[in-house]
């Protein structure tokens, strides 16, 4: 069974930084587009960033220039470096893995809470 295990969430002050990690197991990591999504209270889940197997990245406008997504093939892990955090970045962050060739193979992690508050 595919597993995506997130870590790295927590409480941080505005302007601070956090790095989220998502370790994937039981998938052919190189086949998958990896992504981070987030859901704030009362709002729909939204895309934060994605990265293809070739390293192409895509970001939501709201995080461009502040967040960086990367992946480590030796560890089957995807990261989200979040800098200059804002109160409006507060949400549960979810890791996503989508097979690039068969989109029906789509998996989610359990989510990790990020709270930006003074």
PDB file of N, CA and C in Angstrom:
ATOM      1  N   UNK A   1       0.840  -1.193   0.000  1.00  0.00           N
ATOM      2  CA  UNK A   1       0.000   0.000   0.000  1.00  0.00           C
ATOM      3  C   UNK A   1       0.875   1.242   0.000  1.00  0.00           C
ATOM      4  N   UNK A   2       0.527   2.201  -0.851  1.00  0.00           N
ATOM      5  CA  UNK A   2       1.299   3.440  -0.963  1.00  0.00           C
ATOM      6  C   UNK A   2       1.194   4.234   0.333  1.00  0.00           C
ATOM      7  N   UNK A   3       2.332   4.777   0.752  1.00  0.00           N
ATOM      8  CA  UNK A   3       2.333   5.632   1.939  1.00  0.00           C
ATOM      9  C   UNK A   3       3.047   6.937   1.629  1.00  0.00           C
ATOM     10  N   UNK A   4       2.432   8.026   2.061  1.00  0.00           N
ATOM     11  CA  UNK A   4       3.052   9.346   2.010  1.00  0.00           C
ATOM     12  C   UNK A   4       3.027   9.886   3.431  1.00  0.00           C
ATOM     13  N   UNK A   5       4.186  10.090   4.002  1.00  0.00           N
ATOM     14  CA  UNK A   5       4.278  10.509   5.399  1.00  0.00           C
ATOM     15  C   UNK A   5       4.912  11.892   5.473  1.00  0.00           C
ATOM     16  N   UNK A   6       4.100  12.863   5.898  1.00  0.00           N
ATOM     17  CA  UNK A   6       4.562  14.239   6.000  1.00  0.00           C
ATOM     18  C   UNK A   6       5.138  14.522   7.377  1.00  0.00           C
ATOM     19  N   UNK A   7       6.038  15.479   7.423  1.00  0.00           N
ATOM     20  CA  UNK A   7       6.586  15.955   8.686  1.00  0.00           C
ATOM     21  C   UNK A   7       7.079  17.379   8.491  1.00  0.00           C
ATOM     22  N   UNK A   8       7.335  18.058   9.614  1.00  0.00           N
ATOM     23  CA  UNK A   8       7.932  19.382   9.558  1.00  0.00           C
ATOM     24  C   UNK A   8       7.004  20.535   9.843  1.00  0.00           C
ATOM     25  N   UNK A   9       5.724  20.264  10.019  1.00  0.00           N
ATOM     26  CA  UNK A   9       4.801  21.346  10.335  1.00  0.00           C
ATOM     27  C   UNK A   9       5.009  21.860  11.749  1.00  0.00           C
ATOM     28  N   UNK A  10       4.308  22.955  12.072  1.00  0.00           N
ATOM     29  CA  UNK A  10       4.424  23.512  13.407  1.00  0.00           C
ATOM     30  C   UNK A  10       3.970  24.946  13.464  1.00  0.00           C
ATOM     31  N   UNK A  11       4.322  25.579  14.566  1.00  0.00           N
ATOM     32  CA  UNK A  11       3.961  26.977  14.810  1.00  0.00           C
ATOM     33  C   UNK A  11       5.184  27.854  14.540  1.00  0.00           C
ATOM     34  N   UNK A  12       4.993  28.910  13.771  1.00  0.00           N
ATOM     35  CA  UNK A  12       6.087  29.818  13.440  1.00  0.00           C
ATOM     36  C   UNK A  12       5.550  31.242  13.398  1.00  0.00           C
ATOM     37  N   UNK A  13       6.414  32.192  13.697  1.00  0.00           N
ATOM     38  CA  UNK A  13       6.006  33.592  13.650  1.00  0.00           C
ATOM     39  C   UNK A  13       6.017  34.098  12.212  1.00  0.00           C
ATOM     40  N   UNK A  14       5.232  35.136  11.936  1.00  0.00           N
ATOM     41  CA  UNK A  14       5.278  35.750  10.597  1.00  0.00           C
ATOM     42  C   UNK A  14       6.702  36.140  10.229  1.00  0.00           C
ATOM     43  N   UNK A  15       7.066  35.859   8.981  1.00  0.00           N
ATOM     44  CA  UNK A  15       8.428  36.113   8.527  1.00  0.00           C
ATOM     45  C   UNK A  15       9.368  34.952   8.723  1.00  0.00           C
ATOM     46  N   UNK A  16       8.935  33.950   9.451  1.00  0.00           N
ATOM     47  CA  UNK A  16       9.779  32.791   9.719  1.00  0.00           C
ATOM     48  C   UNK A  16       9.768  31.781   8.593  1.00  0.00           C
ATOM     49  N   UNK A  17      10.468  30.654   8.842  1.00  0.00           N
ATOM     50  CA  UNK A  17      10.612  29.605   7.834  1.00  0.00           C
ATOM     51  C   UNK A  17      10.295  28.238   8.420  1.00  0.00           C
ATOM     52  N   UNK A  18       9.844  27.355   7.561  1.00  0.00           N
ATOM     53  CA  UNK A  18       9.641  25.943   7.892  1.00  0.00           C
ATOM     54  C   UNK A  18       9.986  25.131   6.651  1.00  0.00           C
ATOM     55  N   UNK A  19      10.404  23.887   6.880  1.00  0.00           N
ATOM     56  CA  UNK A  19      10.591  22.953   5.768  1.00  0.00           C
ATOM     57  C   UNK A  19       9.747  21.717   6.018  1.00  0.00           C
ATOM     58  N   UNK A  20       8.853  21.445   5.088  1.00  0.00           N
ATOM     59  CA  UNK A  20       8.029  20.242   5.136  1.00  0.00           C
ATOM     60  C   UNK A  20       8.701  19.132   4.336  1.00  0.00           C
ATOM     61  N   UNK A  21       8.543  17.919   4.819  1.00  0.00           N
ATOM     62  CA  UNK A  21       9.065  16.739   4.128  1.00  0.00           C
ATOM     63  C   UNK A  21       7.934  15.745   3.908  1.00  0.00           C
ATOM     64  N   UNK A  22       8.030  14.997   2.830  1.00  0.00           N
ATOM     65  CA  UNK A  22       7.057  13.944   2.539  1.00  0.00           C
ATOM     66  C   UNK A  22       7.822  12.746   2.005  1.00  0.00           C
ATOM     67  N   UNK A  23       7.850  11.693   2.794  1.00  0.00           N
ATOM     68  CA  UNK A  23       8.547  10.473   2.408  1.00  0.00           C
ATOM     69  C   UNK A  23       7.550   9.512   1.774  1.00  0.00           C
ATOM     70  N   UNK A  24       7.862   9.082   0.561  1.00  0.00           N
ATOM     71  CA  UNK A  24       6.973   8.184  -0.185  1.00  0.00           C
ATOM     72  C   UNK A  24       7.520   6.768  -0.172  1.00  0.00           C
ATOM     73  N   UNK A  25       6.619   5.816  -0.025  1.00  0.00           N
ATOM     74  CA  UNK A  25       7.029   4.413  -0.074  1.00  0.00           C
ATOM     75  C   UNK A  25       6.033   3.625  -0.904  1.00  0.00           C
ATOM     76  N   UNK A  26       6.529   2.524  -1.453  1.00  0.00           N
ATOM     77  CA  UNK A  26       5.710   1.608  -2.259  1.00  0.00           C
ATOM     78  C   UNK A  26       5.185   2.254  -3.527  1.00  0.00           C
ATOM     79  N   UNK A  27       5.923   3.207  -4.086  1.00  0.00           N
ATOM     80  CA  UNK A  27       5.625   3.733  -5.412  1.00  0.00           C
ATOM     81  C   UNK A  27       6.922   3.813  -6.194  1.00  0.00           C
ATOM     82  N   UNK A  28       6.795   3.829  -7.526  1.00  0.00           N
ATOM     83  CA  UNK A  28       7.964   4.081  -8.365  1.00  0.00           C
ATOM     84  C   UNK A  28       8.097   5.597  -8.422  1.00  0.00           C
ATOM     85  N   UNK A  29       8.933   6.131  -7.552  1.00  0.00           N
ATOM     86  CA  UNK A  29       8.985   7.572  -7.293  1.00  0.00           C
ATOM     87  C   UNK A  29       9.178   8.366  -8.578  1.00  0.00           C
ATOM     88  N   UNK A  30       9.973   7.845  -9.493  1.00  0.00           N
ATOM     89  CA  UNK A  30      10.292   8.590 -10.709  1.00  0.00           C
ATOM     90  C   UNK A  30       9.098   8.736 -11.646  1.00  0.00           C
ATOM     91  N   UNK A  31       8.053   7.943 -11.464  1.00  0.00           N
ATOM     92  CA  UNK A  31       6.862   8.034 -12.317  1.00  0.00           C
ATOM     93  C   UNK A  31       5.914   9.132 -11.878  1.00  0.00           C
ATOM     94  N   UNK A  32       6.129   9.637 -10.671  1.00  0.00           N
ATOM     95  CA  UNK A  32       5.109  10.465 -10.054  1.00  0.00           C
ATOM     96  C   UNK A  32       5.435  11.952 -10.069  1.00  0.00           C
ATOM     97  N   UNK A  33       4.397  12.739 -10.398  1.00  0.00           N
ATOM     98  CA  UNK A  33       4.437  14.172 -10.139  1.00  0.00           C
ATOM     99  C   UNK A  33       4.114  14.347  -8.658  1.00  0.00           C
ATOM    100  N   UNK A  34       4.996  15.004  -7.946  1.00  0.00           N
ATOM    101  CA  UNK A  34       4.799  15.215  -6.512  1.00  0.00           C
ATOM    102  C   UNK A  34       4.337  16.640  -6.271  1.00  0.00           C
ATOM    103  N   UNK A  35       3.471  16.799  -5.291  1.00  0.00           N
ATOM    104  CA  UNK A  35       2.948  18.129  -5.042  1.00  0.00           C
ATOM    105  C   UNK A  35       2.595  18.364  -3.589  1.00  0.00           C
ATOM    106  N   UNK A  36       2.440  19.637  -3.284  1.00  0.00           N
ATOM    107  CA  UNK A  36       1.936  20.070  -1.981  1.00  0.00           C
ATOM    108  C   UNK A  36       0.663  20.882  -2.204  1.00  0.00           C
ATOM    109  N   UNK A  37      -0.341  20.582  -1.396  1.00  0.00           N
ATOM    110  CA  UNK A  37      -1.594  21.306  -1.395  1.00  0.00           C
ATOM    111  C   UNK A  37      -1.852  21.754   0.032  1.00  0.00           C
ATOM    112  N   UNK A  38      -2.771  22.694   0.189  1.00  0.00           N
ATOM    113  CA  UNK A  38      -3.108  23.127   1.539  1.00  0.00           C
ATOM    114  C   UNK A  38      -4.599  23.436   1.635  1.00  0.00           C
ATOM    115  N   UNK A  39      -5.087  23.324   2.858  1.00  0.00           N
ATOM    116  CA  UNK A  39      -6.496  23.621   3.110  1.00  0.00           C
ATOM    117  C   UNK A  39      -6.609  24.387   4.412  1.00  0.00           C
ATOM    118  N   UNK A  40      -7.083  25.614   4.299  1.00  0.00           N
ATOM    119  CA  UNK A  40      -7.323  26.445   5.474  1.00  0.00           C
ATOM    120  C   UNK A  40      -8.755  26.216   5.957  1.00  0.00           C
ATOM    121  N   UNK A  41      -9.038  26.513   7.216  1.00  0.00           N
ATOM    122  CA  UNK A  41     -10.387  26.308   7.754  1.00  0.00           C
ATOM    123  C   UNK A  41     -11.431  27.047   6.921  1.00  0.00           C
ATOM    124  N   UNK A  42     -12.480  26.335   6.549  1.00  0.00           N
ATOM    125  CA  UNK A  42     -13.561  26.941   5.791  1.00  0.00           C
ATOM    126  C   UNK A  42     -13.277  27.178   4.322  1.00  0.00           C
ATOM    127  N   UNK A  43     -12.121  26.713   3.852  1.00  0.00           N
ATOM    128  CA  UNK A  43     -11.751  26.923   2.450  1.00  0.00           C
ATOM    129  C   UNK A  43     -11.504  25.587   1.754  1.00  0.00           C
ATOM    130  N   UNK A  44     -11.513  25.637   0.424  1.00  0.00           N
ATOM    131  CA  UNK A  44     -11.230  24.438  -0.357  1.00  0.00           C
ATOM    132  C   UNK A  44      -9.728  24.170  -0.391  1.00  0.00           C
ATOM    133  N   UNK A  45      -9.389  22.919  -0.616  1.00  0.00           N
ATOM    134  CA  UNK A  45      -7.986  22.559  -0.777  1.00  0.00           C
ATOM    135  C   UNK A  45      -7.451  23.217  -2.050  1.00  0.00           C
ATOM    136  N   UNK A  46      -6.250  23.764  -1.964  1.00  0.00           N
ATOM    137  CA  UNK A  46      -5.671  24.460  -3.105  1.00  0.00           C
ATOM    138  C   UNK A  46      -4.241  24.007  -3.363  1.00  0.00           C
ATOM    139  N   UNK A  47      -3.855  24.126  -4.626  1.00  0.00           N
ATOM    140  CA  UNK A  47      -2.496  23.780  -5.016  1.00  0.00           C
ATOM    141  C   UNK A  47      -1.501  24.782  -4.431  1.00  0.00           C
ATOM    142  N   UNK A  48      -0.400  24.270  -3.916  1.00  0.00           N
ATOM    143  CA  UNK A  48       0.702  25.124  -3.484  1.00  0.00           C
ATOM    144  C   UNK A  48       1.845  25.035  -4.497  1.00  0.00           C
ATOM    145  N   UNK A  49       2.301  23.805  -4.772  1.00  0.00           N
ATOM    146  CA  UNK A  49       3.423  23.629  -5.695  1.00  0.00           C
ATOM    147  C   UNK A  49       3.474  22.187  -6.171  1.00  0.00           C
ATOM    148  N   UNK A  50       3.983  21.986  -7.385  1.00  0.00           N
ATOM    149  CA  UNK A  50       4.217  20.643  -7.903  1.00  0.00           C
ATOM    150  C   UNK A  50       5.600  20.573  -8.531  1.00  0.00           C
ATOM    151  N   UNK A  51       6.103  19.333  -8.637  1.00  0.00           N
ATOM    152  CA  UNK A  51       7.385  19.103  -9.283  1.00  0.00           C
ATOM    153  C   UNK A  51       7.312  17.794 -10.047  1.00  0.00           C
ATOM    154  N   UNK A  52       7.737  17.828 -11.307  1.00  0.00           N
ATOM    155  CA  UNK A  52       7.716  16.624 -12.140  1.00  0.00           C
ATOM    156  C   UNK A  52       8.976  15.799 -11.899  1.00  0.00           C
ATOM    157  N   UNK A  53       9.003  14.626 -12.530  1.00  0.00           N
ATOM    158  CA  UNK A  53      10.183  13.773 -12.396  1.00  0.00           C
ATOM    159  C   UNK A  53      11.418  14.436 -12.996  1.00  0.00           C
ATOM    160  N   UNK A  54      11.196  15.304 -13.981  1.00  0.00           N
ATOM    161  CA  UNK A  54      12.315  16.005 -14.610  1.00  0.00           C
ATOM    162  C   UNK A  54      12.740  17.266 -13.884  1.00  0.00           C
ATOM    163  N   UNK A  55      11.995  17.610 -12.823  1.00  0.00           N
ATOM    164  CA  UNK A  55      12.368  18.777 -12.036  1.00  0.00           C
ATOM    165  C   UNK A  55      11.639  20.055 -12.386  1.00  0.00           C
ATOM    166  N   UNK A  56      10.704  19.978 -13.328  1.00  0.00           N
ATOM    167  CA  UNK A  56       9.918  21.173 -13.636  1.00  0.00           C
ATOM    168  C   UNK A  56       8.970  21.476 -12.482  1.00  0.00           C
ATOM    169  N   UNK A  57       8.890  22.757 -12.133  1.00  0.00           N
ATOM    170  CA  UNK A  57       8.095  23.156 -10.974  1.00  0.00           C
ATOM    171  C   UNK A  57       6.976  24.106 -11.372  1.00  0.00           C
ATOM    172  N   UNK A  58       5.963  24.118 -10.534  1.00  0.00           N
ATOM    173  CA  UNK A  58       4.822  25.008 -10.723  1.00  0.00           C
ATOM    174  C   UNK A  58       4.384  25.482  -9.341  1.00  0.00           C
ATOM    175  N   UNK A  59       4.101  26.778  -9.226  1.00  0.00           N
ATOM    176  CA  UNK A  59       3.742  27.345  -7.925  1.00  0.00           C
ATOM    177  C   UNK A  59       2.453  28.164  -8.033  1.00  0.00           C
ATOM    178  N   UNK A  60       1.703  28.172  -6.948  1.00  0.00           N
ATOM    179  CA  UNK A  60       0.597  29.113  -6.831  1.00  0.00           C
ATOM    180  C   UNK A  60       1.178  30.529  -6.775  1.00  0.00           C
ATOM    181  N   UNK A  61       0.453  31.468  -7.338  1.00  0.00           N
ATOM    182  CA  UNK A  61       0.931  32.851  -7.357  1.00  0.00           C
ATOM    183  C   UNK A  61       1.203  33.370  -5.949  1.00  0.00           C
ATOM    184  N   UNK A  62       0.414  32.912  -4.989  1.00  0.00           N
ATOM    185  CA  UNK A  62       0.512  33.429  -3.633  1.00  0.00           C
ATOM    186  C   UNK A  62       1.809  33.015  -2.928  1.00  0.00           C
ATOM    187  N   UNK A  63       2.504  32.005  -3.450  1.00  0.00           N
ATOM    188  CA  UNK A  63       3.726  31.537  -2.781  1.00  0.00           C
ATOM    189  C   UNK A  63       4.970  31.722  -3.628  1.00  0.00           C
ATOM    190  N   UNK A  64       4.821  32.174  -4.858  1.00  0.00           N
ATOM    191  CA  UNK A  64       5.982  32.365  -5.724  1.00  0.00           C
ATOM    192  C   UNK A  64       6.993  33.309  -5.091  1.00  0.00           C
ATOM    193  N   UNK A  65       8.260  32.893  -5.143  1.00  0.00           N
ATOM    194  CA  UNK A  65       9.319  33.701  -4.571  1.00  0.00           C
ATOM    195  C   UNK A  65       9.543  33.469  -3.099  1.00  0.00           C
ATOM    196  N   UNK A  66       8.629  32.747  -2.450  1.00  0.00           N
ATOM    197  CA  UNK A  66       8.761  32.464  -1.019  1.00  0.00           C
ATOM    198  C   UNK A  66       8.938  30.978  -0.730  1.00  0.00           C
ATOM    199  N   UNK A  67       8.285  30.143  -1.516  1.00  0.00           N
ATOM    200  CA  UNK A  67       8.318  28.692  -1.301  1.00  0.00           C
ATOM    201  C   UNK A  67       9.135  28.027  -2.418  1.00  0.00           C
ATOM    202  N   UNK A  68       9.801  26.932  -2.064  1.00  0.00           N
ATOM    203  CA  UNK A  68      10.556  26.154  -3.036  1.00  0.00           C
ATOM    204  C   UNK A  68      10.276  24.670  -2.836  1.00  0.00           C
ATOM    205  N   UNK A  69       9.854  24.003  -3.904  1.00  0.00           N
ATOM    206  CA  UNK A  69       9.635  22.559  -3.860  1.00  0.00           C
ATOM    207  C   UNK A  69      10.838  21.860  -4.474  1.00  0.00           C
ATOM    208  N   UNK A  70      11.216  20.722  -3.896  1.00  0.00           N
ATOM    209  CA  UNK A  70      12.332  19.944  -4.424  1.00  0.00           C
ATOM    210  C   UNK A  70      12.086  18.470  -4.120  1.00  0.00           C
ATOM    211  N   UNK A  71      12.851  17.600  -4.785  1.00  0.00           N
ATOM    212  CA  UNK A  71      12.696  16.170  -4.530  1.00  0.00           C
ATOM    213  C   UNK A  71      14.062  15.508  -4.509  1.00  0.00           C
ATOM    214  N   UNK A  72      14.168  14.490  -3.665  1.00  0.00           N
ATOM    215  CA  UNK A  72      15.413  13.738  -3.486  1.00  0.00           C
ATOM    216  C   UNK A  72      15.132  12.284  -3.847  1.00  0.00           C
ATOM    217  N   UNK A  73      15.700  11.843  -4.993  1.00  0.00           N
ATOM    218  CA  UNK A  73      15.436  10.484  -5.446  1.00  0.00           C
ATOM    219  C   UNK A  73      16.112   9.436  -4.579  1.00  0.00           C
ATOM    220  N   UNK A  74      17.176   9.783  -3.918  1.00  0.00           N
ATOM    221  CA  UNK A  74      17.859   8.814  -3.063  1.00  0.00           C
ATOM    222  C   UNK A  74      17.046   8.494  -1.813  1.00  0.00           C
ATOM    223  N   UNK A  75      16.139   9.418  -1.458  1.00  0.00           N
ATOM    224  CA  UNK A  75      15.332   9.228  -0.254  1.00  0.00           C
ATOM    225  C   UNK A  75      13.843   9.098  -0.554  1.00  0.00           C
ATOM    226  N   UNK A  76      13.470   9.133  -1.841  1.00  0.00           N
ATOM    227  CA  UNK A  76      12.045   9.108  -2.223  1.00  0.00           C
ATOM    228  C   UNK A  76      11.257  10.150  -1.420  1.00  0.00           C
ATOM    229  N   UNK A  77      11.800  11.329  -1.347  1.00  0.00           N
ATOM    230  CA  UNK A  77      11.222  12.372  -0.505  1.00  0.00           C
ATOM    231  C   UNK A  77      11.072  13.670  -1.290  1.00  0.00           C
ATOM    232  N   UNK A  78       9.971  14.364  -1.031  1.00  0.00           N
ATOM    233  CA  UNK A  78       9.741  15.685  -1.597  1.00  0.00           C
ATOM    234  C   UNK A  78       9.703  16.695  -0.454  1.00  0.00           C
ATOM    235  N   UNK A  79      10.238  17.864  -0.706  1.00  0.00           N
ATOM    236  CA  UNK A  79      10.331  18.901   0.315  1.00  0.00           C
ATOM    237  C   UNK A  79       9.590  20.155  -0.121  1.00  0.00           C
ATOM    238  N   UNK A  80       9.178  20.926   0.865  1.00  0.00           N
ATOM    239  CA  UNK A  80       8.647  22.259   0.599  1.00  0.00           C
ATOM    240  C   UNK A  80       9.323  23.207   1.585  1.00  0.00           C
ATOM    241  N   UNK A  81      10.246  24.020   1.071  1.00  0.00           N
ATOM    242  CA  UNK A  81      10.889  25.044   1.887  1.00  0.00           C
ATOM    243  C   UNK A  81      10.021  26.289   1.847  1.00  0.00           C
ATOM    244  N   UNK A  82       9.589  26.734   3.010  1.00  0.00           N
ATOM    245  CA  UNK A  82       8.686  27.870   3.104  1.00  0.00           C
ATOM    246  C   UNK A  82       9.388  28.996   3.853  1.00  0.00           C
ATOM    247  N   UNK A  83       9.612  30.097   3.174  1.00  0.00           N
ATOM    248  CA  UNK A  83      10.250  31.271   3.767  1.00  0.00           C
ATOM    249  C   UNK A  83       9.275  32.444   3.782  1.00  0.00           C
ATOM    250  N   UNK A  84       9.614  33.436   4.570  1.00  0.00           N
ATOM    251  CA  UNK A  84       8.793  34.654   4.655  1.00  0.00           C
ATOM    252  C   UNK A  84       7.319  34.302   4.872  1.00  0.00           C
ATOM    253  N   UNK A  85       7.078  33.438   5.817  1.00  0.00           N
ATOM    254  CA  UNK A  85       5.713  32.952   6.040  1.00  0.00           C
ATOM    255  C   UNK A  85       4.803  34.067   6.509  1.00  0.00           C
ATOM    256  N   UNK A  86       3.548  33.974   6.056  1.00  0.00           N
ATOM    257  CA  UNK A  86       2.525  34.948   6.386  1.00  0.00           C
ATOM    258  C   UNK A  86       1.401  34.269   7.153  1.00  0.00           C
ATOM    259  N   UNK A  87       0.629  35.055   7.870  1.00  0.00           N
ATOM    260  CA  UNK A  87      -0.504  34.508   8.620  1.00  0.00           C
ATOM    261  C   UNK A  87      -1.438  33.729   7.695  1.00  0.00           C
ATOM    262  N   UNK A  88      -1.604  34.227   6.480  1.00  0.00           N
ATOM    263  CA  UNK A  88      -2.510  33.572   5.525  1.00  0.00           C
ATOM    264  C   UNK A  88      -1.972  32.257   4.965  1.00  0.00           C
ATOM    265  N   UNK A  89      -0.745  31.893   5.318  1.00  0.00           N
ATOM    266  CA  UNK A  89      -0.216  30.572   4.948  1.00  0.00           C
ATOM    267  C   UNK A  89      -0.669  29.487   5.920  1.00  0.00           C
ATOM    268  N   UNK A  90      -1.328  29.874   6.985  1.00  0.00           N
ATOM    269  CA  UNK A  90      -1.815  28.915   7.964  1.00  0.00           C
ATOM    270  C   UNK A  90      -2.815  27.952   7.319  1.00  0.00           C
ATOM    271  N   UNK A  91      -2.549  26.662   7.451  1.00  0.00           N
ATOM    272  CA  UNK A  91      -3.389  25.643   6.830  1.00  0.00           C
ATOM    273  C   UNK A  91      -2.842  24.262   7.189  1.00  0.00           C
ATOM    274  N   UNK A  92      -3.617  23.247   6.837  1.00  0.00           N
ATOM    275  CA  UNK A  92      -3.095  21.886   6.831  1.00  0.00           C
ATOM    276  C   UNK A  92      -2.489  21.653   5.452  1.00  0.00           C
ATOM    277  N   UNK A  93      -1.256  21.208   5.431  1.00  0.00           N
ATOM    278  CA  UNK A  93      -0.534  20.974   4.172  1.00  0.00           C
ATOM    279  C   UNK A  93      -0.516  19.477   3.877  1.00  0.00           C
ATOM    280  N   UNK A  94      -0.896  19.147   2.640  1.00  0.00           N
ATOM    281  CA  UNK A  94      -0.991  17.751   2.228  1.00  0.00           C
ATOM    282  C   UNK A  94      -0.005  17.459   1.101  1.00  0.00           C
ATOM    283  N   UNK A  95       0.648  16.330   1.217  1.00  0.00           N
ATOM    284  CA  UNK A  95       1.510  15.837   0.154  1.00  0.00           C
ATOM    285  C   UNK A  95       0.664  15.029  -0.831  1.00  0.00           C
ATOM    286  N   UNK A  96       0.978  15.158  -2.119  1.00  0.00           N
ATOM    287  CA  UNK A  96       0.242  14.440  -3.161  1.00  0.00           C
ATOM    288  C   UNK A  96       1.218  13.774  -4.117  1.00  0.00           C
ATOM    289  N   UNK A  97       0.864  12.572  -4.544  1.00  0.00           N
ATOM    290  CA  UNK A  97       1.637  11.856  -5.564  1.00  0.00           C
ATOM    291  C   UNK A  97       0.677  11.422  -6.658  1.00  0.00           C
ATOM    292  N   UNK A  98       0.965  11.863  -7.871  1.00  0.00           N
ATOM    293  CA  UNK A  98       0.110  11.526  -9.021  1.00  0.00           C
ATOM    294  C   UNK A  98       0.971  10.908 -10.109  1.00  0.00           C
ATOM    295  N   UNK A  99       0.579   9.702 -10.516  1.00  0.00           N
ATOM    296  CA  UNK A  99       1.320   9.018 -11.576  1.00  0.00           C
ATOM    297  C   UNK A  99       1.233   9.838 -12.861  1.00  0.00           C
ATOM    298  N   UNK A 100       2.366  10.120 -13.462  1.00  0.00           N
ATOM    299  CA  UNK A 100       2.404  10.964 -14.653  1.00  0.00           C
ATOM    300  C   UNK A 100       1.801  10.296 -15.875  1.00  0.00           C
ATOM    301  N   UNK A 101       1.667   8.971 -15.834  1.00  0.00           N
ATOM    302  CA  UNK A 101       1.177   8.227 -16.994  1.00  0.00           C
ATOM    303  C   UNK A 101      -0.222   7.680 -16.783  1.00  0.00           C
ATOM    304  N   UNK A 102      -0.635   7.569 -15.540  1.00  0.00           N
ATOM    305  CA  UNK A 102      -1.948   7.027 -15.226  1.00  0.00           C
ATOM    306  C   UNK A 102      -2.511   7.858 -14.091  1.00  0.00           C
ATOM    307  N   UNK A 103      -3.235   8.913 -14.436  1.00  0.00           N
ATOM    308  CA  UNK A 103      -3.654   9.900 -13.439  1.00  0.00           C
ATOM    309  C   UNK A 103      -4.612   9.349 -12.396  1.00  0.00           C
ATOM    310  N   UNK A 104      -5.193   8.182 -12.681  1.00  0.00           N
ATOM    311  CA  UNK A 104      -6.076   7.587 -11.672  1.00  0.00           C
ATOM    312  C   UNK A 104      -5.294   7.118 -10.454  1.00  0.00           C
ATOM    313  N   UNK A 105      -3.994   6.941 -10.604  1.00  0.00           N
ATOM    314  CA  UNK A 105      -3.146   6.606  -9.463  1.00  0.00           C
ATOM    315  C   UNK A 105      -2.733   7.913  -8.795  1.00  0.00           C
ATOM    316  N   UNK A 106      -3.468   8.265  -7.764  1.00  0.00           N
ATOM    317  CA  UNK A 106      -3.351   9.568  -7.124  1.00  0.00           C
ATOM    318  C   UNK A 106      -3.465   9.361  -5.614  1.00  0.00           C
ATOM    319  N   UNK A 107      -2.442   9.764  -4.876  1.00  0.00           N
ATOM    320  CA  UNK A 107      -2.383   9.459  -3.453  1.00  0.00           C
ATOM    321  C   UNK A 107      -2.144  10.721  -2.632  1.00  0.00           C
ATOM    322  N   UNK A 108      -2.647  10.669  -1.380  1.00  0.00           N
ATOM    323  CA  UNK A 108      -2.528  11.803  -0.464  1.00  0.00           C
ATOM    324  C   UNK A 108      -1.905  11.352   0.851  1.00  0.00           C
ATOM    325  N   UNK A 109      -1.155  12.268   1.468  1.00  0.00           N
ATOM    326  CA  UNK A 109      -0.688  12.061   2.813  1.00  0.00           C
ATOM    327  C   UNK A 109      -1.770  12.460   3.802  1.00  0.00           C
ATOM    328  N   UNK A 110      -1.444  12.306   5.077  1.00  0.00           N
ATOM    329  CA  UNK A 110      -2.433  12.562   6.127  1.00  0.00           C
ATOM    330  C   UNK A 110      -2.517  14.033   6.495  1.00  0.00           C
ATOM    331  N   UNK A 111      -1.555  14.824   6.054  1.00  0.00           N
ATOM    332  CA  UNK A 111      -1.569  16.263   6.326  1.00  0.00           C
ATOM    333  C   UNK A 111      -0.733  16.640   7.535  1.00  0.00           C
ATOM    334  N   UNK A 112      -0.178  17.837   7.477  1.00  0.00           N
ATOM    335  CA  UNK A 112       0.575  18.385   8.601  1.00  0.00           C
ATOM    336  C   UNK A 112       0.182  19.848   8.791  1.00  0.00           C
ATOM    337  N   UNK A 113      -0.043  20.220  10.033  1.00  0.00           N
ATOM    338  CA  UNK A 113      -0.539  21.570  10.341  1.00  0.00           C
ATOM    339  C   UNK A 113       0.607  22.574  10.329  1.00  0.00           C
ATOM    340  N   UNK A 114       0.383  23.673   9.638  1.00  0.00           N
ATOM    341  CA  UNK A 114       1.292  24.825   9.677  1.00  0.00           C
ATOM    342  C   UNK A 114       0.506  26.008  10.194  1.00  0.00           C
ATOM    343  N   UNK A 115       0.978  26.597  11.276  1.00  0.00           N
ATOM    344  CA  UNK A 115       0.315  27.750  11.871  1.00  0.00           C
ATOM    345  C   UNK A 115       1.308  28.899  11.938  1.00  0.00           C
ATOM    346  N   UNK A 116       0.929  30.010  11.318  1.00  0.00           N
ATOM    347  CA  UNK A 116       1.766  31.216  11.329  1.00  0.00           C
ATOM    348  C   UNK A 116       1.051  32.252  12.181  1.00  0.00           C
ATOM    349  N   UNK A 117       1.665  32.561  13.305  1.00  0.00           N
ATOM    350  CA  UNK A 117       1.014  33.458  14.252  1.00  0.00           C
ATOM    351  C   UNK A 117       2.052  34.102  15.157  1.00  0.00           C
ATOM    352  N   UNK A 118       1.754  35.335  15.550  1.00  0.00           N
ATOM    353  CA  UNK A 118       2.639  36.019  16.486  1.00  0.00           C
ATOM    354  C   UNK A 118       2.152  35.816  17.921  1.00  0.00           C
TER     355      UNK A 118
END
